[in-house]
Amino acid sequence: MFDTHELGRRPGALQRLTREVAAPADLGIDGVIGVPEGSPVELELRLESVMEGVLVTGTARASAEGECVRCLEPLRREVVADFQEMFSYPDTDDRGRHAASGDDAEDDEDIIPLEDGMFDLEPVLRDAVVLALPMQPVCREDCAGLCPECGVSLNDDPDHHHEAVDIRWAALQGLAGSLGTDEKDDMSGAEPGVDEKQEK
């Protein structure tokens, strides 16, 4: 929670804050990459008082951990997420201004109200950081991944390969393998006889 009492309600008033907070649970993409719970998140905030409330603009910096989607090796990424959010004053403030009603009220549903001059940045921080994380994290851009046949890391052995067998020829290879050596010898011995008969 952050306090806006020092900022006051005079439009144009400005306050800058630098804070380090502990990362909340589940700050990331489950099973892919995320900021570990309790790890430090550095916040640089700019609080500006406006007619409707307090406009908060900020940057969050954190270290995310995950797994490369190609080679499955652990990885760490520095994440920088920018965000901006309006926190509104209560429905009736000390100037007697009331919140809009009817259709205009529906437009204001996305505006988060201040509670006793305090605002909770966690939902905004969560949205910003998750959107800044890579959906397909890789340990490096040219990661070759794993061999689809045996799982060997192609980064460690770039020349690794398997002899590809065309399934259309697989039956003929099986037939060739089933011929015994005697049959091969008989066939090779018959060939000269055929040639001799043809010569006569």
N, C-alpha and C. Protein backbone atom coordinates (compact mmCIF):
# COMPACT_ATOMS: atom_id res chain seq x y z
N MET A 1 0.85 -1.19 0.00
CA MET A 1 0.00 0.00 0.00
C MET A 1 0.89 1.24 0.00
N PHE A 2 0.45 2.26 -0.75
CA PHE A 2 1.19 3.51 -0.83
C PHE A 2 0.28 4.65 -0.35
N ASP A 3 0.89 5.59 0.35
CA ASP A 3 0.17 6.70 0.97
C ASP A 3 0.28 7.95 0.09
N THR A 4 -0.87 8.62 -0.14
CA THR A 4 -0.87 9.84 -0.96
C THR A 4 -1.13 11.09 -0.14
N HIS A 5 -1.18 10.95 1.20
CA HIS A 5 -1.51 12.12 2.03
C HIS A 5 -0.49 13.24 1.88
N GLU A 6 0.79 12.91 1.75
CA GLU A 6 1.82 13.95 1.60
C GLU A 6 1.67 14.70 0.28
N LEU A 7 1.11 14.04 -0.70
CA LEU A 7 0.94 14.66 -2.02
C LEU A 7 -0.10 15.78 -1.97
N GLY A 8 -1.16 15.59 -1.18
CA GLY A 8 -2.23 16.58 -1.13
C GLY A 8 -3.15 16.46 -2.33
N ARG A 9 -4.18 17.30 -2.34
CA ARG A 9 -5.17 17.24 -3.42
C ARG A 9 -5.09 18.42 -4.36
N ARG A 10 -4.07 19.22 -4.26
CA ARG A 10 -3.94 20.36 -5.17
C ARG A 10 -3.49 19.85 -6.53
N PRO A 11 -4.32 20.05 -7.58
CA PRO A 11 -3.93 19.57 -8.92
C PRO A 11 -2.57 20.12 -9.33
N GLY A 12 -1.75 19.24 -9.85
CA GLY A 12 -0.41 19.62 -10.27
C GLY A 12 0.66 19.26 -9.27
N ALA A 13 0.27 18.93 -8.05
CA ALA A 13 1.26 18.52 -7.04
C ALA A 13 1.90 17.21 -7.49
N LEU A 14 3.20 17.10 -7.23
CA LEU A 14 3.97 15.98 -7.74
C LEU A 14 4.84 15.38 -6.65
N GLN A 15 4.95 14.07 -6.64
CA GLN A 15 5.81 13.37 -5.68
C GLN A 15 6.49 12.21 -6.39
N ARG A 16 7.79 12.07 -6.16
CA ARG A 16 8.54 10.95 -6.74
C ARG A 16 8.97 10.01 -5.63
N LEU A 17 8.83 8.73 -5.88
CA LEU A 17 9.18 7.71 -4.90
C LEU A 17 10.03 6.63 -5.53
N THR A 18 10.98 6.12 -4.77
CA THR A 18 11.75 4.95 -5.17
C THR A 18 11.62 3.95 -4.04
N ARG A 19 11.13 2.77 -4.37
CA ARG A 19 10.91 1.74 -3.36
C ARG A 19 11.39 0.39 -3.86
N GLU A 20 11.74 -0.46 -2.90
CA GLU A 20 12.01 -1.86 -3.22
C GLU A 20 11.01 -2.69 -2.44
N VAL A 21 10.23 -3.51 -3.16
CA VAL A 21 9.21 -4.33 -2.52
C VAL A 21 9.48 -5.79 -2.84
N ALA A 22 8.90 -6.66 -2.03
CA ALA A 22 9.03 -8.10 -2.27
C ALA A 22 7.99 -8.54 -3.30
N ALA A 23 8.41 -9.36 -4.22
CA ALA A 23 7.49 -9.84 -5.27
C ALA A 23 6.38 -10.69 -4.66
N PRO A 24 5.15 -10.45 -5.07
CA PRO A 24 4.04 -11.28 -4.58
C PRO A 24 4.10 -12.67 -5.21
N ALA A 25 3.27 -13.56 -4.71
CA ALA A 25 3.21 -14.92 -5.26
C ALA A 25 2.62 -14.91 -6.67
N ASP A 26 3.04 -15.87 -7.47
CA ASP A 26 2.49 -16.06 -8.82
C ASP A 26 2.65 -14.83 -9.70
N LEU A 27 3.81 -14.19 -9.62
CA LEU A 27 4.08 -13.03 -10.47
C LEU A 27 4.78 -13.52 -11.73
N GLY A 28 4.00 -14.05 -12.67
CA GLY A 28 4.58 -14.55 -13.90
C GLY A 28 3.63 -15.44 -14.65
N ILE A 29 4.17 -16.19 -15.60
CA ILE A 29 3.41 -17.11 -16.42
C ILE A 29 3.67 -18.50 -15.87
N ASP A 30 2.66 -19.13 -15.32
CA ASP A 30 2.80 -20.40 -14.62
C ASP A 30 3.46 -21.46 -15.48
N GLY A 31 4.54 -22.05 -14.96
CA GLY A 31 5.23 -23.12 -15.66
C GLY A 31 6.16 -22.67 -16.76
N VAL A 32 6.26 -21.36 -16.99
CA VAL A 32 7.11 -20.86 -18.08
C VAL A 32 8.20 -19.95 -17.54
N ILE A 33 7.81 -18.81 -16.98
CA ILE A 33 8.77 -17.85 -16.44
C ILE A 33 8.04 -16.94 -15.46
N GLY A 34 8.77 -16.49 -14.43
CA GLY A 34 8.15 -15.61 -13.45
C GLY A 34 9.17 -15.07 -12.48
N VAL A 35 8.75 -14.05 -11.73
CA VAL A 35 9.59 -13.46 -10.69
C VAL A 35 9.35 -14.26 -9.42
N PRO A 36 10.39 -14.86 -8.83
CA PRO A 36 10.20 -15.68 -7.64
C PRO A 36 9.58 -14.88 -6.49
N GLU A 37 8.68 -15.51 -5.77
CA GLU A 37 8.01 -14.85 -4.65
C GLU A 37 9.05 -14.40 -3.62
N GLY A 38 8.91 -13.15 -3.19
CA GLY A 38 9.81 -12.60 -2.18
C GLY A 38 11.06 -11.95 -2.73
N SER A 39 11.36 -12.14 -4.01
CA SER A 39 12.55 -11.52 -4.59
C SER A 39 12.31 -10.02 -4.77
N PRO A 40 13.37 -9.21 -4.80
CA PRO A 40 13.18 -7.75 -4.84
C PRO A 40 12.65 -7.24 -6.18
N VAL A 41 11.73 -6.29 -6.08
CA VAL A 41 11.22 -5.58 -7.25
C VAL A 41 11.45 -4.10 -6.99
N GLU A 42 12.25 -3.47 -7.85
CA GLU A 42 12.55 -2.05 -7.69
C GLU A 42 11.49 -1.22 -8.40
N LEU A 43 10.94 -0.24 -7.69
CA LEU A 43 9.89 0.62 -8.23
C LEU A 43 10.36 2.06 -8.26
N GLU A 44 10.15 2.71 -9.39
CA GLU A 44 10.33 4.15 -9.50
C GLU A 44 8.96 4.72 -9.83
N LEU A 45 8.41 5.53 -8.93
CA LEU A 45 7.04 6.02 -9.07
C LEU A 45 6.99 7.53 -9.16
N ARG A 46 6.03 7.99 -9.94
CA ARG A 46 5.73 9.42 -10.05
C ARG A 46 4.25 9.59 -9.75
N LEU A 47 3.95 10.24 -8.62
CA LEU A 47 2.57 10.46 -8.20
C LEU A 47 2.18 11.89 -8.52
N GLU A 48 1.13 12.06 -9.29
CA GLU A 48 0.69 13.40 -9.67
C GLU A 48 -0.78 13.58 -9.30
N SER A 49 -1.05 14.66 -8.57
CA SER A 49 -2.41 14.96 -8.17
C SER A 49 -3.13 15.64 -9.34
N VAL A 50 -4.28 15.11 -9.70
CA VAL A 50 -5.11 15.69 -10.75
C VAL A 50 -6.52 15.88 -10.19
N MET A 51 -7.42 16.47 -10.98
CA MET A 51 -8.76 16.77 -10.49
C MET A 51 -9.49 15.52 -10.01
N GLU A 52 -9.35 14.41 -10.75
CA GLU A 52 -10.11 13.20 -10.44
C GLU A 52 -9.48 12.33 -9.37
N GLY A 53 -8.18 12.50 -9.11
CA GLY A 53 -7.51 11.64 -8.15
C GLY A 53 -6.00 11.75 -8.26
N VAL A 54 -5.33 10.60 -8.22
CA VAL A 54 -3.87 10.56 -8.29
C VAL A 54 -3.47 9.68 -9.47
N LEU A 55 -2.68 10.27 -10.37
CA LEU A 55 -2.16 9.53 -11.52
C LEU A 55 -0.79 8.98 -11.14
N VAL A 56 -0.65 7.67 -11.19
CA VAL A 56 0.59 7.01 -10.82
C VAL A 56 1.26 6.48 -12.09
N THR A 57 2.47 6.93 -12.35
CA THR A 57 3.27 6.47 -13.48
C THR A 57 4.52 5.85 -12.90
N GLY A 58 4.91 4.70 -13.39
CA GLY A 58 6.09 4.06 -12.80
C GLY A 58 6.77 3.05 -13.68
N THR A 59 7.90 2.58 -13.17
CA THR A 59 8.69 1.54 -13.82
C THR A 59 9.06 0.50 -12.76
N ALA A 60 8.89 -0.75 -13.09
CA ALA A 60 9.27 -1.84 -12.20
C ALA A 60 10.41 -2.62 -12.83
N ARG A 61 11.40 -2.94 -12.01
CA ARG A 61 12.53 -3.75 -12.47
C ARG A 61 12.66 -4.96 -11.55
N ALA A 62 12.79 -6.14 -12.17
CA ALA A 62 12.90 -7.37 -11.40
C ALA A 62 13.66 -8.41 -12.21
N SER A 63 14.04 -9.48 -11.54
CA SER A 63 14.74 -10.59 -12.19
C SER A 63 13.79 -11.78 -12.25
N ALA A 64 13.55 -12.26 -13.45
CA ALA A 64 12.63 -13.39 -13.64
C ALA A 64 13.44 -14.66 -13.92
N GLU A 65 12.90 -15.78 -13.47
CA GLU A 65 13.54 -17.07 -13.68
C GLU A 65 12.57 -17.99 -14.41
N GLY A 66 13.13 -18.82 -15.27
CA GLY A 66 12.28 -19.75 -16.01
C GLY A 66 13.10 -20.84 -16.66
N GLU A 67 12.56 -21.36 -17.76
CA GLU A 67 13.17 -22.47 -18.48
C GLU A 67 13.12 -22.17 -19.97
N CYS A 68 14.23 -22.40 -20.65
CA CYS A 68 14.28 -22.19 -22.09
C CYS A 68 13.31 -23.16 -22.77
N VAL A 69 12.48 -22.65 -23.67
CA VAL A 69 11.49 -23.51 -24.33
C VAL A 69 12.13 -24.41 -25.39
N ARG A 70 13.39 -24.14 -25.75
CA ARG A 70 14.04 -24.96 -26.77
C ARG A 70 14.92 -26.06 -26.17
N CYS A 71 15.77 -25.69 -25.20
CA CYS A 71 16.72 -26.68 -24.65
C CYS A 71 16.41 -27.06 -23.21
N LEU A 72 15.40 -26.42 -22.60
CA LEU A 72 14.94 -26.72 -21.24
C LEU A 72 15.94 -26.38 -20.15
N GLU A 73 16.97 -25.59 -20.49
CA GLU A 73 17.94 -25.15 -19.49
C GLU A 73 17.35 -24.00 -18.68
N PRO A 74 17.72 -23.89 -17.38
CA PRO A 74 17.24 -22.76 -16.58
C PRO A 74 17.77 -21.45 -17.14
N LEU A 75 16.98 -20.40 -17.01
CA LEU A 75 17.43 -19.09 -17.48
C LEU A 75 16.97 -18.00 -16.52
N ARG A 76 17.61 -16.85 -16.62
CA ARG A 76 17.28 -15.68 -15.81
C ARG A 76 17.21 -14.48 -16.74
N ARG A 77 16.19 -13.66 -16.57
CA ARG A 77 15.98 -12.49 -17.41
C ARG A 77 15.67 -11.27 -16.55
N GLU A 78 16.27 -10.16 -16.89
CA GLU A 78 15.93 -8.90 -16.23
C GLU A 78 14.68 -8.36 -16.92
N VAL A 79 13.69 -7.99 -16.13
CA VAL A 79 12.42 -7.52 -16.67
C VAL A 79 12.23 -6.05 -16.29
N VAL A 80 11.88 -5.24 -17.26
CA VAL A 80 11.56 -3.83 -17.03
C VAL A 80 10.14 -3.61 -17.54
N ALA A 81 9.26 -3.16 -16.65
CA ALA A 81 7.86 -2.97 -17.02
C ALA A 81 7.42 -1.56 -16.66
N ASP A 82 6.87 -0.85 -17.63
CA ASP A 82 6.32 0.49 -17.41
C ASP A 82 4.81 0.38 -17.21
N PHE A 83 4.27 1.25 -16.38
CA PHE A 83 2.83 1.23 -16.14
C PHE A 83 2.32 2.62 -15.77
N GLN A 84 1.02 2.78 -15.92
CA GLN A 84 0.36 4.04 -15.54
C GLN A 84 -1.06 3.70 -15.11
N GLU A 85 -1.48 4.27 -14.00
CA GLU A 85 -2.81 3.97 -13.47
C GLU A 85 -3.38 5.19 -12.76
N MET A 86 -4.68 5.38 -12.91
CA MET A 86 -5.38 6.45 -12.22
C MET A 86 -6.11 5.88 -11.00
N PHE A 87 -5.85 6.47 -9.85
CA PHE A 87 -6.55 6.12 -8.62
C PHE A 87 -7.43 7.30 -8.25
N SER A 88 -8.73 7.07 -8.23
CA SER A 88 -9.68 8.19 -8.06
C SER A 88 -9.95 8.48 -6.60
N TYR A 89 -10.37 9.73 -6.36
CA TYR A 89 -10.82 10.11 -5.03
C TYR A 89 -12.15 9.41 -4.75
N PRO A 90 -12.56 9.34 -3.49
CA PRO A 90 -13.85 8.71 -3.17
C PRO A 90 -15.00 9.38 -3.92
N ASP A 91 -16.19 8.71 -3.93
CA ASP A 91 -17.34 9.21 -4.67
C ASP A 91 -17.64 10.67 -4.36
N THR A 92 -17.51 11.05 -3.12
CA THR A 92 -17.73 12.45 -2.76
C THR A 92 -16.50 12.95 -2.04
N ASP A 93 -15.84 13.96 -2.61
CA ASP A 93 -14.64 14.45 -1.94
C ASP A 93 -14.97 15.71 -1.15
N ASP A 94 -13.95 16.32 -0.59
CA ASP A 94 -14.19 17.45 0.29
C ASP A 94 -14.62 18.71 -0.45
N ARG A 95 -14.61 18.67 -1.78
CA ARG A 95 -15.11 19.82 -2.56
C ARG A 95 -16.56 19.62 -2.94
N GLY A 96 -17.15 18.47 -2.49
CA GLY A 96 -18.56 18.22 -2.75
C GLY A 96 -18.84 17.69 -4.14
N ARG A 97 -17.81 17.32 -4.86
CA ARG A 97 -18.01 16.79 -6.22
C ARG A 97 -18.44 15.34 -6.12
N HIS A 98 -19.49 14.96 -6.85
CA HIS A 98 -20.01 13.60 -6.83
C HIS A 98 -19.58 12.86 -8.08
N ALA A 99 -19.45 11.55 -7.95
CA ALA A 99 -19.09 10.72 -9.10
C ALA A 99 -20.24 10.72 -10.09
N ALA A 100 -19.90 10.48 -11.33
CA ALA A 100 -20.92 10.44 -12.39
C ALA A 100 -21.83 9.25 -12.18
N SER A 101 -23.06 9.39 -12.68
CA SER A 101 -24.00 8.28 -12.57
C SER A 101 -24.49 7.91 -13.96
N GLY A 102 -25.22 6.79 -14.04
CA GLY A 102 -25.77 6.36 -15.34
C GLY A 102 -24.70 5.78 -16.23
N ASP A 103 -24.75 6.19 -17.53
CA ASP A 103 -23.82 5.65 -18.52
C ASP A 103 -22.38 6.04 -18.20
N ASP A 104 -22.19 7.26 -17.67
CA ASP A 104 -20.83 7.70 -17.36
C ASP A 104 -20.21 6.84 -16.26
N ALA A 105 -21.03 6.33 -15.37
CA ALA A 105 -20.52 5.49 -14.28
C ALA A 105 -19.90 4.22 -14.84
N GLU A 106 -20.48 3.70 -15.94
CA GLU A 106 -19.92 2.50 -16.54
C GLU A 106 -18.53 2.76 -17.09
N ASP A 107 -18.30 3.96 -17.62
CA ASP A 107 -16.99 4.30 -18.16
C ASP A 107 -15.95 4.39 -17.05
N ASP A 108 -16.40 4.70 -15.82
CA ASP A 108 -15.48 4.88 -14.71
C ASP A 108 -15.21 3.59 -13.94
N GLU A 109 -15.75 2.46 -14.41
CA GLU A 109 -15.58 1.21 -13.69
C GLU A 109 -14.13 0.79 -13.61
N ASP A 110 -13.32 1.16 -14.61
CA ASP A 110 -11.93 0.76 -14.63
C ASP A 110 -11.06 1.62 -13.70
N ILE A 111 -11.59 2.71 -13.20
CA ILE A 111 -10.82 3.58 -12.32
C ILE A 111 -10.84 3.01 -10.91
N ILE A 112 -9.66 2.84 -10.33
CA ILE A 112 -9.54 2.24 -9.00
C ILE A 112 -9.65 3.35 -7.95
N PRO A 113 -10.52 3.21 -6.97
CA PRO A 113 -10.66 4.27 -5.96
C PRO A 113 -9.54 4.22 -4.91
N LEU A 114 -9.21 5.40 -4.41
CA LEU A 114 -8.29 5.49 -3.27
C LEU A 114 -9.07 5.12 -2.01
N GLU A 115 -8.42 4.46 -1.08
CA GLU A 115 -9.05 4.10 0.18
C GLU A 115 -8.30 4.79 1.31
N ASP A 116 -8.93 5.82 1.88
CA ASP A 116 -8.30 6.62 2.94
C ASP A 116 -6.95 7.17 2.50
N GLY A 117 -6.90 7.59 1.24
CA GLY A 117 -5.67 8.18 0.72
C GLY A 117 -4.60 7.15 0.38
N MET A 118 -4.94 5.87 0.42
CA MET A 118 -3.98 4.80 0.14
C MET A 118 -4.36 4.08 -1.15
N PHE A 119 -3.37 3.55 -1.83
CA PHE A 119 -3.67 2.73 -3.00
C PHE A 119 -2.78 1.49 -3.00
N ASP A 120 -3.33 0.40 -3.52
CA ASP A 120 -2.63 -0.87 -3.62
C ASP A 120 -2.11 -1.03 -5.04
N LEU A 121 -0.81 -1.13 -5.18
CA LEU A 121 -0.20 -1.19 -6.51
C LEU A 121 -0.06 -2.62 -7.03
N GLU A 122 -0.32 -3.63 -6.21
CA GLU A 122 -0.06 -5.01 -6.62
C GLU A 122 -0.78 -5.43 -7.89
N PRO A 123 -2.10 -5.17 -8.05
CA PRO A 123 -2.76 -5.61 -9.30
C PRO A 123 -2.16 -4.94 -10.54
N VAL A 124 -1.83 -3.67 -10.42
CA VAL A 124 -1.23 -2.94 -11.55
C VAL A 124 0.15 -3.49 -11.85
N LEU A 125 0.93 -3.73 -10.80
CA LEU A 125 2.28 -4.27 -10.95
C LEU A 125 2.23 -5.66 -11.58
N ARG A 126 1.30 -6.48 -11.14
CA ARG A 126 1.16 -7.83 -11.67
C ARG A 126 0.87 -7.80 -13.18
N ASP A 127 -0.10 -6.97 -13.57
CA ASP A 127 -0.46 -6.88 -15.00
C ASP A 127 0.73 -6.42 -15.83
N ALA A 128 1.45 -5.41 -15.35
CA ALA A 128 2.56 -4.84 -16.12
C ALA A 128 3.70 -5.83 -16.27
N VAL A 129 4.07 -6.49 -15.19
CA VAL A 129 5.20 -7.42 -15.23
C VAL A 129 4.87 -8.64 -16.09
N VAL A 130 3.69 -9.21 -15.92
CA VAL A 130 3.32 -10.39 -16.70
C VAL A 130 3.31 -10.08 -18.19
N LEU A 131 2.81 -8.91 -18.57
CA LEU A 131 2.79 -8.53 -19.99
C LEU A 131 4.20 -8.29 -20.53
N ALA A 132 5.15 -7.94 -19.65
CA ALA A 132 6.52 -7.67 -20.09
C ALA A 132 7.35 -8.95 -20.21
N LEU A 133 6.85 -10.06 -19.67
CA LEU A 133 7.60 -11.31 -19.72
C LEU A 133 7.47 -11.96 -21.10
N PRO A 134 8.52 -12.65 -21.56
CA PRO A 134 8.43 -13.34 -22.85
C PRO A 134 7.54 -14.57 -22.75
N MET A 135 6.67 -14.76 -23.73
CA MET A 135 5.79 -15.93 -23.74
C MET A 135 6.56 -17.20 -24.11
N GLN A 136 7.64 -17.05 -24.89
CA GLN A 136 8.46 -18.18 -25.31
C GLN A 136 9.92 -17.86 -24.94
N PRO A 137 10.29 -17.94 -23.65
CA PRO A 137 11.64 -17.55 -23.25
C PRO A 137 12.70 -18.51 -23.79
N VAL A 138 13.81 -17.96 -24.27
CA VAL A 138 14.93 -18.77 -24.74
C VAL A 138 16.20 -18.32 -24.03
N CYS A 139 17.13 -19.27 -23.83
CA CYS A 139 18.38 -18.95 -23.13
C CYS A 139 19.23 -18.00 -23.97
N ARG A 140 19.14 -18.13 -25.28
CA ARG A 140 19.79 -17.21 -26.21
C ARG A 140 19.06 -17.31 -27.54
N GLU A 141 19.18 -16.28 -28.35
CA GLU A 141 18.40 -16.21 -29.58
C GLU A 141 18.72 -17.33 -30.55
N ASP A 142 20.00 -17.78 -30.56
CA ASP A 142 20.38 -18.83 -31.51
C ASP A 142 20.40 -20.22 -30.87
N CYS A 143 19.65 -20.39 -29.79
CA CYS A 143 19.59 -21.70 -29.13
C CYS A 143 19.08 -22.75 -30.13
N ALA A 144 19.84 -23.85 -30.26
CA ALA A 144 19.49 -24.89 -31.23
C ALA A 144 18.50 -25.90 -30.68
N GLY A 145 18.30 -25.91 -29.37
CA GLY A 145 17.32 -26.80 -28.77
C GLY A 145 17.84 -28.22 -28.59
N LEU A 146 16.92 -29.18 -28.57
CA LEU A 146 17.25 -30.58 -28.35
C LEU A 146 16.96 -31.40 -29.60
N CYS A 147 17.70 -32.50 -29.76
CA CYS A 147 17.46 -33.42 -30.86
C CYS A 147 16.09 -34.05 -30.66
N PRO A 148 15.21 -33.99 -31.65
CA PRO A 148 13.88 -34.57 -31.49
C PRO A 148 13.89 -36.10 -31.42
N GLU A 149 14.99 -36.72 -31.85
CA GLU A 149 15.07 -38.18 -31.84
C GLU A 149 15.52 -38.73 -30.49
N CYS A 150 16.59 -38.10 -29.93
CA CYS A 150 17.18 -38.69 -28.71
C CYS A 150 17.30 -37.70 -27.56
N GLY A 151 17.03 -36.41 -27.79
CA GLY A 151 17.07 -35.44 -26.70
C GLY A 151 18.42 -34.85 -26.38
N VAL A 152 19.44 -35.11 -27.18
CA VAL A 152 20.76 -34.54 -26.97
C VAL A 152 20.71 -33.04 -27.24
N SER A 153 21.42 -32.25 -26.42
CA SER A 153 21.46 -30.81 -26.63
C SER A 153 22.25 -30.49 -27.89
N LEU A 154 21.62 -29.83 -28.83
CA LEU A 154 22.29 -29.47 -30.09
C LEU A 154 23.21 -28.27 -29.90
N ASN A 155 23.11 -27.59 -28.75
CA ASN A 155 24.06 -26.51 -28.45
C ASN A 155 25.43 -27.11 -28.12
N ASP A 156 25.44 -28.25 -27.41
CA ASP A 156 26.70 -28.91 -27.05
C ASP A 156 27.28 -29.69 -28.21
N ASP A 157 26.43 -30.22 -29.08
CA ASP A 157 26.89 -31.05 -30.21
C ASP A 157 26.17 -30.60 -31.48
N PRO A 158 26.64 -29.48 -32.08
CA PRO A 158 25.93 -28.95 -33.26
C PRO A 158 25.97 -29.86 -34.48
N ASP A 159 26.93 -30.81 -34.54
CA ASP A 159 27.01 -31.72 -35.70
C ASP A 159 26.20 -32.99 -35.50
N HIS A 160 25.52 -33.09 -34.37
CA HIS A 160 24.73 -34.30 -34.07
C HIS A 160 23.58 -34.45 -35.08
N HIS A 161 23.41 -35.68 -35.59
CA HIS A 161 22.30 -35.95 -36.50
C HIS A 161 22.02 -37.45 -36.54
N HIS A 162 20.89 -37.80 -37.08
CA HIS A 162 20.52 -39.20 -37.26
C HIS A 162 20.26 -39.43 -38.75
N GLU A 163 20.56 -40.65 -39.21
CA GLU A 163 20.28 -40.98 -40.60
C GLU A 163 18.76 -41.04 -40.78
N ALA A 164 18.26 -40.18 -41.61
CA ALA A 164 16.82 -40.14 -41.83
C ALA A 164 16.42 -41.24 -42.81
N VAL A 165 15.43 -42.01 -42.44
CA VAL A 165 14.93 -43.10 -43.30
C VAL A 165 13.58 -42.67 -43.87
N ASP A 166 13.51 -42.66 -45.18
CA ASP A 166 12.25 -42.33 -45.83
C ASP A 166 11.30 -43.51 -45.65
N ILE A 167 10.14 -43.28 -45.04
CA ILE A 167 9.23 -44.39 -44.75
C ILE A 167 8.76 -45.10 -46.02
N ARG A 168 8.84 -44.43 -47.15
CA ARG A 168 8.43 -45.07 -48.40
C ARG A 168 9.39 -46.19 -48.81
N TRP A 169 10.65 -46.12 -48.34
CA TRP A 169 11.65 -47.14 -48.68
C TRP A 169 11.88 -48.12 -47.53
N ALA A 170 11.21 -47.90 -46.40
CA ALA A 170 11.46 -48.73 -45.22
C ALA A 170 11.16 -50.20 -45.49
N ALA A 171 10.09 -50.50 -46.26
CA ALA A 171 9.74 -51.89 -46.56
C ALA A 171 10.83 -52.58 -47.38
N LEU A 172 11.43 -51.85 -48.34
CA LEU A 172 12.50 -52.44 -49.15
C LEU A 172 13.74 -52.70 -48.32
N GLN A 173 14.02 -51.80 -47.36
CA GLN A 173 15.17 -52.02 -46.49
C GLN A 173 14.96 -53.26 -45.63
N GLY A 174 13.72 -53.45 -45.18
CA GLY A 174 13.42 -54.65 -44.40
C GLY A 174 13.58 -55.91 -45.24
N LEU A 175 13.18 -55.85 -46.51
CA LEU A 175 13.31 -57.00 -47.41
C LEU A 175 14.78 -57.32 -47.66
N ALA A 176 15.57 -56.29 -47.89
CA ALA A 176 17.01 -56.49 -48.14
C ALA A 176 17.67 -57.10 -46.92
N GLY A 177 17.24 -56.68 -45.74
CA GLY A 177 17.83 -57.22 -44.52
C GLY A 177 17.43 -58.66 -44.27
N SER A 178 16.27 -59.10 -44.82
CA SER A 178 15.79 -60.47 -44.57
C SER A 178 16.43 -61.49 -45.50
N LEU A 179 17.06 -61.07 -46.59
CA LEU A 179 17.72 -62.02 -47.51
C LEU A 179 18.93 -62.64 -46.83
N GLY A 180 19.03 -63.94 -46.86
CA GLY A 180 20.17 -64.63 -46.26
C GLY A 180 21.39 -64.55 -47.17
N THR A 181 22.54 -64.84 -46.64
CA THR A 181 23.77 -64.78 -47.43
C THR A 181 23.78 -65.86 -48.50
N ASP A 182 23.15 -67.04 -48.21
CA ASP A 182 23.10 -68.12 -49.21
C ASP A 182 22.32 -67.69 -50.44
N GLU A 183 21.20 -67.02 -50.20
CA GLU A 183 20.39 -66.56 -51.32
C GLU A 183 21.16 -65.57 -52.17
N LYS A 184 21.92 -64.69 -51.47
CA LYS A 184 22.70 -63.70 -52.21
C LYS A 184 23.77 -64.39 -53.06
N ASP A 185 24.42 -65.42 -52.46
CA ASP A 185 25.46 -66.14 -53.21
C ASP A 185 24.87 -66.85 -54.41
N ASP A 186 23.67 -67.49 -54.24
CA ASP A 186 23.03 -68.19 -55.36
C ASP A 186 22.71 -67.23 -56.48
N MET A 187 22.24 -66.05 -56.06
CA MET A 187 21.89 -65.06 -57.08
C MET A 187 23.13 -64.58 -57.81
N SER A 188 24.21 -64.38 -57.06
CA SER A 188 25.42 -63.89 -57.71
C SER A 188 26.03 -64.98 -58.60
N GLY A 189 25.88 -66.30 -58.20
CA GLY A 189 26.40 -67.39 -59.02
C GLY A 189 25.58 -67.61 -60.27
N ALA A 190 24.30 -67.25 -60.23
CA ALA A 190 23.43 -67.49 -61.39
C ALA A 190 23.64 -66.46 -62.46
N GLU A 191 24.12 -65.33 -62.07
CA GLU A 191 24.25 -64.24 -63.04
C GLU A 191 25.24 -64.56 -64.17
N PRO A 192 26.43 -65.13 -63.88
CA PRO A 192 27.34 -65.45 -64.99
C PRO A 192 26.74 -66.47 -65.94
N GLY A 193 25.99 -67.48 -65.44
CA GLY A 193 25.36 -68.47 -66.31
C GLY A 193 24.39 -67.84 -67.27
N VAL A 194 23.66 -66.89 -66.81
CA VAL A 194 22.70 -66.19 -67.66
C VAL A 194 23.45 -65.47 -68.77
N ASP A 195 24.56 -64.87 -68.38
CA ASP A 195 25.33 -64.11 -69.38
C ASP A 195 25.92 -65.06 -70.44
N GLU A 196 26.37 -66.27 -69.99
CA GLU A 196 26.97 -67.21 -70.94
C GLU A 196 25.93 -67.68 -71.97
N LYS A 197 24.69 -67.96 -71.48
CA LYS A 197 23.63 -68.42 -72.39
C LYS A 197 23.30 -67.35 -73.41
N GLN A 198 23.32 -66.11 -72.94
CA GLN A 198 23.00 -65.03 -73.84
C GLN A 198 24.07 -64.86 -74.92
N GLU A 199 25.35 -65.14 -74.52
CA GLU A 199 26.45 -65.02 -75.49
C GLU A 199 26.31 -66.08 -76.58
N LYS A 200 25.83 -67.31 -76.27
CA LYS A 200 25.69 -68.39 -77.25
C LYS A 200 24.53 -68.09 -78.13
